[in-house]
PDB file of N, CA and C in Angstrom:
ATOM      1  N   MET A   1      35.755 -20.005  58.367  1.00  0.00           N
ATOM      2  CA  MET A   1      36.094 -18.602  58.328  1.00  0.00           C
ATOM      3  C   MET A   1      34.908 -17.835  57.753  1.00  0.00           C
ATOM      4  N   TYR A   2      34.629 -16.689  58.340  1.00  0.00           N
ATOM      5  CA  TYR A   2      33.494 -15.871  57.922  1.00  0.00           C
ATOM      6  C   TYR A   2      33.959 -14.448  57.635  1.00  0.00           C
ATOM      7  N   GLU A   3      33.271 -13.806  56.683  1.00  0.00           N
ATOM      8  CA  GLU A   3      33.514 -12.394  56.405  1.00  0.00           C
ATOM      9  C   GLU A   3      32.160 -11.725  56.243  1.00  0.00           C
ATOM     10  N   TYR A   4      31.858 -10.771  57.123  1.00  0.00           N
ATOM     11  CA  TYR A   4      30.565 -10.097  57.149  1.00  0.00           C
ATOM     12  C   TYR A   4      29.416 -11.099  57.282  1.00  0.00           C
ATOM     13  N   GLY A   5      29.657 -12.163  58.035  1.00  0.00           N
ATOM     14  CA  GLY A   5      28.634 -13.163  58.265  1.00  0.00           C
ATOM     15  C   GLY A   5      28.476 -14.180  57.154  1.00  0.00           C
ATOM     16  N   VAL A   6      29.316 -14.101  56.126  1.00  0.00           N
ATOM     17  CA  VAL A   6      29.248 -15.026  54.999  1.00  0.00           C
ATOM     18  C   VAL A   6      30.411 -16.001  55.108  1.00  0.00           C
ATOM     19  N   PRO A   7      30.115 -17.322  55.073  1.00  0.00           N
ATOM     20  CA  PRO A   7      31.213 -18.289  55.166  1.00  0.00           C
ATOM     21  C   PRO A   7      32.076 -18.263  53.906  1.00  0.00           C
ATOM     22  N   ILE A   8      33.401 -18.240  54.085  1.00  0.00           N
ATOM     23  CA  ILE A   8      34.348 -18.297  52.965  1.00  0.00           C
ATOM     24  C   ILE A   8      35.484 -19.233  53.346  1.00  0.00           C
ATOM     25  N   CYS A   9      36.137 -19.802  52.332  1.00  0.00           N
ATOM     26  CA  CYS A   9      37.269 -20.675  52.631  1.00  0.00           C
ATOM     27  C   CYS A   9      38.514 -19.830  52.857  1.00  0.00           C
ATOM     28  N   ILE A  10      39.522 -20.385  53.485  1.00  0.00           N
ATOM     29  CA  ILE A  10      40.741 -19.653  53.813  1.00  0.00           C
ATOM     30  C   ILE A  10      41.445 -19.171  52.558  1.00  0.00           C
ATOM     31  N   GLU A  11      41.502 -20.034  51.522  1.00  0.00           N
ATOM     32  CA  GLU A  11      42.165 -19.652  50.273  1.00  0.00           C
ATOM     33  C   GLU A  11      41.456 -18.468  49.614  1.00  0.00           C
ATOM     34  N   CYS A  12      40.132 -18.497  49.616  1.00  0.00           N
ATOM     35  CA  CYS A  12      39.360 -17.418  48.991  1.00  0.00           C
ATOM     36  C   CYS A  12      39.473 -16.108  49.767  1.00  0.00           C
ATOM     37  N   SER A  13      39.645 -16.184  51.084  1.00  0.00           N
ATOM     38  CA  SER A  13      39.683 -14.977  51.887  1.00  0.00           C
ATOM     39  C   SER A  13      40.839 -14.066  51.500  1.00  0.00           C
ATOM     40  N   GLY A  14      41.966 -14.647  51.077  1.00  0.00           N
ATOM     41  CA  GLY A  14      43.112 -13.841  50.678  1.00  0.00           C
ATOM     42  C   GLY A  14      42.931 -13.186  49.327  1.00  0.00           C
ATOM     43  N   LYS A  15      42.045 -13.734  48.503  1.00  0.00           N
ATOM     44  CA  LYS A  15      41.830 -13.214  47.157  1.00  0.00           C
ATOM     45  C   LYS A  15      40.714 -12.170  47.087  1.00  0.00           C
ATOM     46  N   ARG A  16      39.919 -12.101  48.107  1.00  0.00           N
ATOM     47  CA  ARG A  16      38.777 -11.179  48.080  1.00  0.00           C
ATOM     48  C   ARG A  16      39.221  -9.742  48.245  1.00  0.00           C
ATOM     49  N   VAL A  17      38.516  -8.882  47.575  1.00  0.00           N
ATOM     50  CA  VAL A  17      38.753  -7.449  47.706  1.00  0.00           C
ATOM     51  C   VAL A  17      38.072  -6.994  48.987  1.00  0.00           C
ATOM     52  N   ARG A  18      38.797  -6.269  49.777  1.00  0.00           N
ATOM     53  CA  ARG A  18      38.238  -5.779  51.034  1.00  0.00           C
ATOM     54  C   ARG A  18      37.339  -4.586  50.758  1.00  0.00           C
ATOM     55  N   ILE A  19      36.202  -4.584  51.407  1.00  0.00           N
ATOM     56  CA  ILE A  19      35.244  -3.494  51.262  1.00  0.00           C
ATOM     57  C   ILE A  19      35.402  -2.574  52.452  1.00  0.00           C
ATOM     58  N   ALA A  20      35.608  -1.316  52.148  1.00  0.00           N
ATOM     59  CA  ALA A  20      35.716  -0.342  53.233  1.00  0.00           C
ATOM     60  C   ALA A  20      34.311  -0.008  53.714  1.00  0.00           C
ATOM     61  N   ILE A  21      34.078  -0.235  54.984  1.00  0.00           N
ATOM     62  CA  ILE A  21      32.778   0.068  55.556  1.00  0.00           C
ATOM     63  C   ILE A  21      32.855   1.443  56.197  1.00  0.00           C
ATOM     64  N   LYS A  22      31.926   2.310  55.760  1.00  0.00           N
ATOM     65  CA  LYS A  22      31.893   3.648  56.342  1.00  0.00           C
ATOM     66  C   LYS A  22      31.347   3.566  57.757  1.00  0.00           C
ATOM     67  N   PRO A  23      31.942   4.314  58.645  1.00  0.00           N
ATOM     68  CA  PRO A  23      31.371   4.335  59.987  1.00  0.00           C
ATOM     69  C   PRO A  23      29.999   5.002  59.938  1.00  0.00           C
ATOM     70  N   PRO A  24      29.117   4.623  60.814  1.00  0.00           N
ATOM     71  CA  PRO A  24      27.798   5.240  60.782  1.00  0.00           C
ATOM     72  C   PRO A  24      27.900   6.743  61.004  1.00  0.00           C
ATOM     73  N   VAL A  25      27.023   7.463  60.337  1.00  0.00           N
ATOM     74  CA  VAL A  25      26.995   8.910  60.462  1.00  0.00           C
ATOM     75  C   VAL A  25      26.375   9.250  61.810  1.00  0.00           C
ATOM     76  N   SER A  26      26.899  10.263  62.434  1.00  0.00           N
ATOM     77  CA  SER A  26      26.392  10.616  63.758  1.00  0.00           C
ATOM     78  C   SER A  26      25.036  11.311  63.670  1.00  0.00           C
ATOM     79  N   SER A  27      24.334  11.226  64.766  1.00  0.00           N
ATOM     80  CA  SER A  27      23.021  11.850  64.880  1.00  0.00           C
ATOM     81  C   SER A  27      23.114  13.356  64.647  1.00  0.00           C
ATOM     82  N   THR A  28      24.172  13.953  65.160  1.00  0.00           N
ATOM     83  CA  THR A  28      24.364  15.397  65.010  1.00  0.00           C
ATOM     84  C   THR A  28      24.560  15.762  63.544  1.00  0.00           C
ATOM     85  N   GLN A  29      25.308  14.955  62.800  1.00  0.00           N
ATOM     86  CA  GLN A  29      25.531  15.243  61.388  1.00  0.00           C
ATOM     87  C   GLN A  29      24.226  15.161  60.596  1.00  0.00           C
ATOM     88  N   ILE A  30      23.422  14.151  60.883  1.00  0.00           N
ATOM     89  CA  ILE A  30      22.135  14.011  60.197  1.00  0.00           C
ATOM     90  C   ILE A  30      21.249  15.204  60.514  1.00  0.00           C
ATOM     91  N   GLN A  31      21.184  15.573  61.781  1.00  0.00           N
ATOM     92  CA  GLN A  31      20.346  16.696  62.188  1.00  0.00           C
ATOM     93  C   GLN A  31      20.831  17.991  61.532  1.00  0.00           C
ATOM     94  N   ASN A  32      22.144  18.193  61.462  1.00  0.00           N
ATOM     95  CA  ASN A  32      22.682  19.397  60.820  1.00  0.00           C
ATOM     96  C   ASN A  32      22.325  19.450  59.339  1.00  0.00           C
ATOM     97  N   LEU A  33      22.387  18.299  58.658  1.00  0.00           N
ATOM     98  CA  LEU A  33      21.994  18.250  57.251  1.00  0.00           C
ATOM     99  C   LEU A  33      20.530  18.629  57.074  1.00  0.00           C
ATOM    100  N   LEU A  34      19.686  18.111  57.946  1.00  0.00           N
ATOM    101  CA  LEU A  34      18.260  18.405  57.848  1.00  0.00           C
ATOM    102  C   LEU A  34      17.954  19.867  58.167  1.00  0.00           C
ATOM    103  N   VAL A  35      18.661  20.431  59.127  1.00  0.00           N
ATOM    104  CA  VAL A  35      18.481  21.857  59.451  1.00  0.00           C
ATOM    105  C   VAL A  35      18.963  22.721  58.285  1.00  0.00           C
ATOM    106  N   ASN A  36      20.071  22.332  57.656  1.00  0.00           N
ATOM    107  CA  ASN A  36      20.556  23.074  56.482  1.00  0.00           C
ATOM    108  C   ASN A  36      19.550  23.008  55.340  1.00  0.00           C
ATOM    109  N   ASP A  37      18.897  21.855  55.170  1.00  0.00           N
ATOM    110  CA  ASP A  37      17.857  21.736  54.149  1.00  0.00           C
ATOM    111  C   ASP A  37      16.727  22.727  54.405  1.00  0.00           C
ATOM    112  N   ILE A  38      16.371  22.890  55.673  1.00  0.00           N
ATOM    113  CA  ILE A  38      15.312  23.842  56.025  1.00  0.00           C
ATOM    114  C   ILE A  38      15.760  25.268  55.707  1.00  0.00           C
ATOM    115  N   ALA A  39      16.993  25.599  56.037  1.00  0.00           N
ATOM    116  CA  ALA A  39      17.504  26.940  55.772  1.00  0.00           C
ATOM    117  C   ALA A  39      17.509  27.238  54.269  1.00  0.00           C
ATOM    118  N   GLU A  40      17.942  26.270  53.471  1.00  0.00           N
ATOM    119  CA  GLU A  40      17.957  26.464  52.021  1.00  0.00           C
ATOM    120  C   GLU A  40      16.542  26.588  51.463  1.00  0.00           C
ATOM    121  N   ALA A  41      15.637  25.760  51.942  1.00  0.00           N
ATOM    122  CA  ALA A  41      14.252  25.818  51.484  1.00  0.00           C
ATOM    123  C   ALA A  41      13.599  27.142  51.875  1.00  0.00           C
ATOM    124  N   THR A  42      13.905  27.621  53.063  1.00  0.00           N
ATOM    125  CA  THR A  42      13.360  28.901  53.517  1.00  0.00           C
ATOM    126  C   THR A  42      13.872  30.046  52.654  1.00  0.00           C
ATOM    127  N   ALA A  43      15.128  29.990  52.265  1.00  0.00           N
ATOM    128  CA  ALA A  43      15.687  31.015  51.378  1.00  0.00           C
ATOM    129  C   ALA A  43      14.989  30.988  50.014  1.00  0.00           C
ATOM    130  N   ARG A  44      14.689  29.773  49.506  1.00  0.00           N
ATOM    131  CA  ARG A  44      13.973  29.668  48.226  1.00  0.00           C
ATOM    132  C   ARG A  44      12.562  30.242  48.345  1.00  0.00           C
ATOM    133  N   VAL A  45      11.892  29.986  49.474  1.00  0.00           N
ATOM    134  CA  VAL A  45      10.553  30.546  49.689  1.00  0.00           C
ATOM    135  C   VAL A  45      10.620  32.065  49.715  1.00  0.00           C
ATOM    136  N   SER A  46      11.606  32.590  50.396  1.00  0.00           N
ATOM    137  CA  SER A  46      11.757  34.046  50.473  1.00  0.00           C
ATOM    138  C   SER A  46      11.973  34.651  49.087  1.00  0.00           C
ATOM    139  N   ALA A  47      12.830  34.032  48.286  1.00  0.00           N
ATOM    140  CA  ALA A  47      13.090  34.539  46.938  1.00  0.00           C
ATOM    141  C   ALA A  47      11.839  34.426  46.069  1.00  0.00           C
ATOM    142  N   ALA A  48      11.129  33.315  46.160  1.00  0.00           N
ATOM    143  CA  ALA A  48       9.904  33.134  45.375  1.00  0.00           C
ATOM    144  C   ALA A  48       8.825  34.106  45.828  1.00  0.00           C
ATOM    145  N   ASN A  49       8.755  34.352  47.122  1.00  0.00           N
ATOM    146  CA  ASN A  49       7.783  35.310  47.648  1.00  0.00           C
ATOM    147  C   ASN A  49       8.085  36.722  47.149  1.00  0.00           C
ATOM    148  N   ASP A  50       9.357  37.090  47.142  1.00  0.00           N
ATOM    149  CA  ASP A  50       9.756  38.408  46.625  1.00  0.00           C
ATOM    150  C   ASP A  50       9.381  38.549  45.159  1.00  0.00           C
ATOM    151  N   GLU A  51       9.625  37.499  44.379  1.00  0.00           N
ATOM    152  CA  GLU A  51       9.288  37.519  42.952  1.00  0.00           C
ATOM    153  C   GLU A  51       7.778  37.620  42.754  1.00  0.00           C
ATOM    154  N   PHE A  52       7.022  36.879  43.541  1.00  0.00           N
ATOM    155  CA  PHE A  52       5.562  36.933  43.440  1.00  0.00           C
ATOM    156  C   PHE A  52       5.065  38.340  43.765  1.00  0.00           C
ATOM    157  N   TYR A  53       5.590  38.924  44.825  1.00  0.00           N
ATOM    158  CA  TYR A  53       5.190  40.283  45.197  1.00  0.00           C
ATOM    159  C   TYR A  53       5.538  41.270  44.083  1.00  0.00           C
ATOM    160  N   LYS A  54       6.722  41.133  43.518  1.00  0.00           N
ATOM    161  CA  LYS A  54       7.166  42.021  42.453  1.00  0.00           C
ATOM    162  C   LYS A  54       6.240  41.929  41.241  1.00  0.00           C
ATOM    163  N   VAL A  55       5.903  40.711  40.863  1.00  0.00           N
ATOM    164  CA  VAL A  55       5.048  40.508  39.693  1.00  0.00           C
ATOM    165  C   VAL A  55       3.643  41.037  39.949  1.00  0.00           C
ATOM    166  N   THR A  56       3.091  40.725  41.122  1.00  0.00           N
ATOM    167  CA  THR A  56       1.715  41.159  41.388  1.00  0.00           C
ATOM    168  C   THR A  56       1.613  42.651  41.647  1.00  0.00           C
ATOM    169  N   SER A  57       2.677  43.274  42.072  1.00  0.00           N
ATOM    170  CA  SER A  57       2.619  44.717  42.318  1.00  0.00           C
ATOM    171  C   SER A  57       2.716  45.512  41.022  1.00  0.00           C
ATOM    172  N   GLN A  58       3.059  44.868  39.916  1.00  0.00           N
ATOM    173  CA  GLN A  58       3.170  45.541  38.628  1.00  0.00           C
ATOM    174  C   GLN A  58       1.875  45.465  37.822  1.00  0.00           C
ATOM    175  N   VAL A  59       0.799  44.955  38.415  1.00  0.00           N
ATOM    176  CA  VAL A  59      -0.468  44.843  37.692  1.00  0.00           C
ATOM    177  C   VAL A  59      -1.155  46.185  37.739  1.00  0.00           C
ATOM    178  N   PRO A  60      -1.667  46.722  36.692  1.00  0.00           N
ATOM    179  CA  PRO A  60      -1.453  46.297  35.317  1.00  0.00           C
ATOM    180  C   PRO A  60      -0.040  46.683  34.871  1.00  0.00           C
ATOM    181  N   SER A  61       0.576  45.794  34.137  1.00  0.00           N
ATOM    182  CA  SER A  61       1.994  45.961  33.823  1.00  0.00           C
ATOM    183  C   SER A  61       2.265  46.567  32.465  1.00  0.00           C
ATOM    184  N   GLY A  62       1.272  46.708  31.648  1.00  0.00           N
ATOM    185  CA  GLY A  62       1.520  47.216  30.316  1.00  0.00           C
ATOM    186  C   GLY A  62       1.830  46.090  29.344  1.00  0.00           C
ATOM    187  N   LEU A  63       2.071  44.896  29.882  1.00  0.00           N
ATOM    188  CA  LEU A  63       2.258  43.736  29.019  1.00  0.00           C
ATOM    189  C   LEU A  63       0.889  43.323  28.491  1.00  0.00           C
ATOM    190  N   PRO A  64       0.862  42.697  27.335  1.00  0.00           N
ATOM    191  CA  PRO A  64      -0.429  42.173  26.885  1.00  0.00           C
ATOM    192  C   PRO A  64      -1.024  41.278  27.972  1.00  0.00           C
ATOM    193  N   HIS A  65      -2.323  41.324  28.130  1.00  0.00           N
ATOM    194  CA  HIS A  65      -3.007  40.642  29.223  1.00  0.00           C
ATOM    195  C   HIS A  65      -2.576  39.190  29.428  1.00  0.00           C
ATOM    196  N   PRO A  66      -2.538  38.329  28.394  1.00  0.00           N
ATOM    197  CA  PRO A  66      -2.145  36.931  28.644  1.00  0.00           C
ATOM    198  C   PRO A  66      -0.735  36.795  29.217  1.00  0.00           C
ATOM    199  N   ASP A  67       0.185  37.645  28.801  1.00  0.00           N
ATOM    200  CA  ASP A  67       1.539  37.560  29.331  1.00  0.00           C
ATOM    201  C   ASP A  67       1.586  37.934  30.812  1.00  0.00           C
ATOM    202  N   GLY A  68       0.838  38.953  31.180  1.00  0.00           N
ATOM    203  CA  GLY A  68       0.795  39.363  32.581  1.00  0.00           C
ATOM    204  C   GLY A  68       0.206  38.284  33.462  1.00  0.00           C
ATOM    205  N   VAL A  69      -0.875  37.684  33.007  1.00  0.00           N
ATOM    206  CA  VAL A  69      -1.513  36.604  33.757  1.00  0.00           C
ATOM    207  C   VAL A  69      -0.562  35.410  33.857  1.00  0.00           C
ATOM    208  N   GLN A  70       0.111  35.107  32.757  1.00  0.00           N
ATOM    209  CA  GLN A  70       1.048  33.981  32.750  1.00  0.00           C
ATOM    210  C   GLN A  70       2.190  34.207  33.738  1.00  0.00           C
ATOM    211  N   ARG A  71       2.686  35.430  33.816  1.00  0.00           N
ATOM    212  CA  ARG A  71       3.766  35.728  34.768  1.00  0.00           C
ATOM    213  C   ARG A  71       3.289  35.534  36.201  1.00  0.00           C
ATOM    214  N   ILE A  72       2.062  35.949  36.487  1.00  0.00           N
ATOM    215  CA  ILE A  72       1.518  35.778  37.836  1.00  0.00           C
ATOM    216  C   ILE A  72       1.351  34.289  38.154  1.00  0.00           C
ATOM    217  N   HIS A  73       0.817  33.528  37.212  1.00  0.00           N
ATOM    218  CA  HIS A  73       0.657  32.084  37.428  1.00  0.00           C
ATOM    219  C   HIS A  73       2.005  31.411  37.660  1.00  0.00           C
ATOM    220  N   LYS A  74       2.992  31.791  36.877  1.00  0.00           N
ATOM    221  CA  LYS A  74       4.326  31.197  37.019  1.00  0.00           C
ATOM    222  C   LYS A  74       4.913  31.515  38.388  1.00  0.00           C
ATOM    223  N   ALA A  75       4.831  32.773  38.801  1.00  0.00           N
ATOM    224  CA  ALA A  75       5.362  33.171  40.111  1.00  0.00           C
ATOM    225  C   ALA A  75       4.613  32.454  41.234  1.00  0.00           C
ATOM    226  N   SER A  76       3.304  32.296  41.066  1.00  0.00           N
ATOM    227  CA  SER A  76       2.494  31.607  42.067  1.00  0.00           C
ATOM    228  C   SER A  76       2.886  30.136  42.167  1.00  0.00           C
ATOM    229  N   ARG A  77       3.092  29.480  41.023  1.00  0.00           N
ATOM    230  CA  ARG A  77       3.513  28.071  41.024  1.00  0.00           C
ATOM    231  C   ARG A  77       4.867  27.899  41.691  1.00  0.00           C
ATOM    232  N   GLU A  78       5.800  28.798  41.370  1.00  0.00           N
ATOM    233  CA  GLU A  78       7.132  28.699  41.968  1.00  0.00           C
ATOM    234  C   GLU A  78       7.081  28.900  43.473  1.00  0.00           C
ATOM    235  N   LEU A  79       6.237  29.821  43.931  1.00  0.00           N
ATOM    236  CA  LEU A  79       6.078  30.039  45.369  1.00  0.00           C
ATOM    237  C   LEU A  79       5.452  28.809  46.026  1.00  0.00           C
ATOM    238  N   ASP A  80       4.455  28.222  45.391  1.00  0.00           N
ATOM    239  CA  ASP A  80       3.813  27.020  45.921  1.00  0.00           C
ATOM    240  C   ASP A  80       4.808  25.871  46.032  1.00  0.00           C
ATOM    241  N   ILE A  81       5.608  25.664  45.002  1.00  0.00           N
ATOM    242  CA  ILE A  81       6.607  24.591  45.017  1.00  0.00           C
ATOM    243  C   ILE A  81       7.630  24.821  46.123  1.00  0.00           C
ATOM    244  N   ALA A  82       8.090  26.051  46.244  1.00  0.00           N
ATOM    245  CA  ALA A  82       9.080  26.374  47.281  1.00  0.00           C
ATOM    246  C   ALA A  82       8.502  26.133  48.675  1.00  0.00           C
ATOM    247  N   ARG A  83       7.242  26.506  48.877  1.00  0.00           N
ATOM    248  CA  ARG A  83       6.614  26.294  50.185  1.00  0.00           C
ATOM    249  C   ARG A  83       6.458  24.809  50.489  1.00  0.00           C
ATOM    250  N   ARG A  84       6.088  24.025  49.473  1.00  0.00           N
ATOM    251  CA  ARG A  84       5.947  22.576  49.676  1.00  0.00           C
ATOM    252  C   ARG A  84       7.296  21.944  50.026  1.00  0.00           C
ATOM    253  N   GLU A  85       8.353  22.390  49.352  1.00  0.00           N
ATOM    254  CA  GLU A  85       9.694  21.867  49.660  1.00  0.00           C
ATOM    255  C   GLU A  85      10.107  22.235  51.079  1.00  0.00           C
ATOM    256  N   MET A  86       9.754  23.438  51.508  1.00  0.00           N
ATOM    257  CA  MET A  86      10.086  23.855  52.871  1.00  0.00           C
ATOM    258  C   MET A  86       9.322  23.000  53.890  1.00  0.00           C
ATOM    259  N   MET A  87       8.050  22.740  53.619  1.00  0.00           N
ATOM    260  CA  MET A  87       7.272  21.914  54.530  1.00  0.00           C
ATOM    261  C   MET A  87       7.819  20.486  54.566  1.00  0.00           C
ATOM    262  N   LYS A  88       8.264  19.989  53.428  1.00  0.00           N
ATOM    263  CA  LYS A  88       8.862  18.655  53.382  1.00  0.00           C
ATOM    264  C   LYS A  88      10.137  18.630  54.231  1.00  0.00           C
ATOM    265  N   ALA A  89      10.944  19.682  54.127  1.00  0.00           N
ATOM    266  CA  ALA A  89      12.177  19.753  54.919  1.00  0.00           C
ATOM    267  C   ALA A  89      11.851  19.777  56.415  1.00  0.00           C
ATOM    268  N   HIS A  90      10.824  20.531  56.787  1.00  0.00           N
ATOM    269  CA  HIS A  90      10.407  20.574  58.192  1.00  0.00           C
ATOM    270  C   HIS A  90       9.912  19.202  58.656  1.00  0.00           C
ATOM    271  N   THR A  91       9.145  18.534  57.817  1.00  0.00           N
ATOM    272  CA  THR A  91       8.614  17.204  58.165  1.00  0.00           C
ATOM    273  C   THR A  91       9.745  16.205  58.350  1.00  0.00           C
ATOM    274  N   ARG A  92      10.748  16.244  57.453  1.00  0.00           N
ATOM    275  CA  ARG A  92      11.883  15.324  57.562  1.00  0.00           C
ATOM    276  C   ARG A  92      12.617  15.517  58.884  1.00  0.00           C
ATOM    277  N   LEU A  93      12.872  16.778  59.253  1.00  0.00           N
ATOM    278  CA  LEU A  93      13.563  17.040  60.516  1.00  0.00           C
ATOM    279  C   LEU A  93      12.696  16.607  61.696  1.00  0.00           C
ATOM    280  N   ASN A  94      11.417  16.926  61.644  1.00  0.00           N
ATOM    281  CA  ASN A  94      10.507  16.568  62.727  1.00  0.00           C
ATOM    282  C   ASN A  94      10.449  15.049  62.923  1.00  0.00           C
ATOM    283  N   GLU A  95      10.348  14.304  61.815  1.00  0.00           N
ATOM    284  CA  GLU A  95      10.306  12.845  61.923  1.00  0.00           C
ATOM    285  C   GLU A  95      11.616  12.292  62.480  1.00  0.00           C
ATOM    286  N   TYR A  96      12.725  12.918  62.124  1.00  0.00           N
ATOM    287  CA  TYR A  96      14.009  12.445  62.642  1.00  0.00           C
ATOM    288  C   TYR A  96      14.144  12.738  64.131  1.00  0.00           C
ATOM    289  N   VAL A  97      13.812  13.957  64.522  1.00  0.00           N
ATOM    290  CA  VAL A  97      13.979  14.361  65.922  1.00  0.00           C
ATOM    291  C   VAL A  97      13.027  13.595  66.838  1.00  0.00           C
ATOM    292  N   HIS A  98      11.775  13.452  66.416  1.00  0.00           N
ATOM    293  CA  HIS A  98      10.778  12.853  67.300  1.00  0.00           C
ATOM    294  C   HIS A  98      10.676  11.335  67.188  1.00  0.00           C
ATOM    295  N   SER A  99      10.987  10.785  66.004  1.00  0.00           N
ATOM    296  CA  SER A  99      10.811   9.344  65.821  1.00  0.00           C
ATOM    297  C   SER A  99      12.093   8.606  65.454  1.00  0.00           C
ATOM    298  N   GLY A 100      13.159   9.363  65.180  1.00  0.00           N
ATOM    299  CA  GLY A 100      14.421   8.735  64.809  1.00  0.00           C
ATOM    300  C   GLY A 100      14.447   8.195  63.390  1.00  0.00           C
ATOM    301  N   ILE A 101      13.499   8.630  62.557  1.00  0.00           N
ATOM    302  CA  ILE A 101      13.417   8.146  61.179  1.00  0.00           C
ATOM    303  C   ILE A 101      14.415   8.913  60.320  1.00  0.00           C
ATOM    304  N   VAL A 102      15.414   8.201  59.787  1.00  0.00           N
ATOM    305  CA  VAL A 102      16.411   8.812  58.906  1.00  0.00           C
ATOM    306  C   VAL A 102      15.840   8.778  57.489  1.00  0.00           C
ATOM    307  N   PRO A 103      15.795   9.931  56.802  1.00  0.00           N
ATOM    308  CA  PRO A 103      15.277   9.949  55.435  1.00  0.00           C
ATOM    309  C   PRO A 103      16.052   8.984  54.533  1.00  0.00           C
ATOM    310  N   GLU A 104      15.331   8.357  53.602  1.00  0.00           N
ATOM    311  CA  GLU A 104      15.926   7.338  52.719  1.00  0.00           C
ATOM    312  C   GLU A 104      17.126   7.871  51.948  1.00  0.00           C
ATOM    313  N   ASP A 105      17.053   9.110  51.455  1.00  0.00           N
ATOM    314  CA  ASP A 105      18.160   9.636  50.659  1.00  0.00           C
ATOM    315  C   ASP A 105      19.430   9.784  51.500  1.00  0.00           C
ATOM    316  N   LEU A 106      19.291  10.017  52.790  1.00  0.00           N
ATOM    317  CA  LEU A 106      20.462  10.111  53.658  1.00  0.00           C
ATOM    318  C   LEU A 106      21.006   8.725  53.996  1.00  0.00           C
ATOM    319  N   LYS A 107      20.127   7.733  54.034  1.00  0.00           N
ATOM    320  CA  LYS A 107      20.579   6.359  54.273  1.00  0.00           C
ATOM    321  C   LYS A 107      21.394   5.868  53.091  1.00  0.00           C
ATOM    322  N   ARG A 108      20.896   6.125  51.876  1.00  0.00           N
ATOM    323  CA  ARG A 108      21.554   5.638  50.659  1.00  0.00           C
ATOM    324  C   ARG A 108      22.894   6.315  50.414  1.00  0.00           C
ATOM    325  N   SER A 109      22.947   7.626  50.681  1.00  0.00           N
ATOM    326  CA  SER A 109      24.186   8.353  50.376  1.00  0.00           C
ATOM    327  C   SER A 109      25.271   8.125  51.415  1.00  0.00           C
ATOM    328  N   GLY A 110      24.875   7.619  52.576  1.00  0.00           N
ATOM    329  CA  GLY A 110      25.860   7.386  53.628  1.00  0.00           C
ATOM    330  C   GLY A 110      26.200   8.654  54.384  1.00  0.00           C
ATOM    331  N   THR A 111      25.381   9.697  54.213  1.00  0.00           N
ATOM    332  CA  THR A 111      25.587  10.945  54.939  1.00  0.00           C
ATOM    333  C   THR A 111      24.494  11.209  55.900  1.00  0.00           C
TER     334      THR A 111
END
């Protein structure tokens, strides 16, 4: 007697806890998740871009010079991070659509 390709005795088979196997996630569901990731990343880029524009348009702001520079650097870093995340989201979708590569985090989560 075998269970999931592993030989087991008949007596042991009745005592084993059954593992529920999730059905594989459909291609459409994976693609929708990846497209949603792009939409969320794009929204973050837009918000970071708005903040960067707001901060840079206030120069000179009346704040002491180091604080003003620090605000610009912070807004610039946040915009850079948001753009990198958006590009990563685009790359993940592109690799899935063109090569069928499912991102590791989607494989592990079962979604």
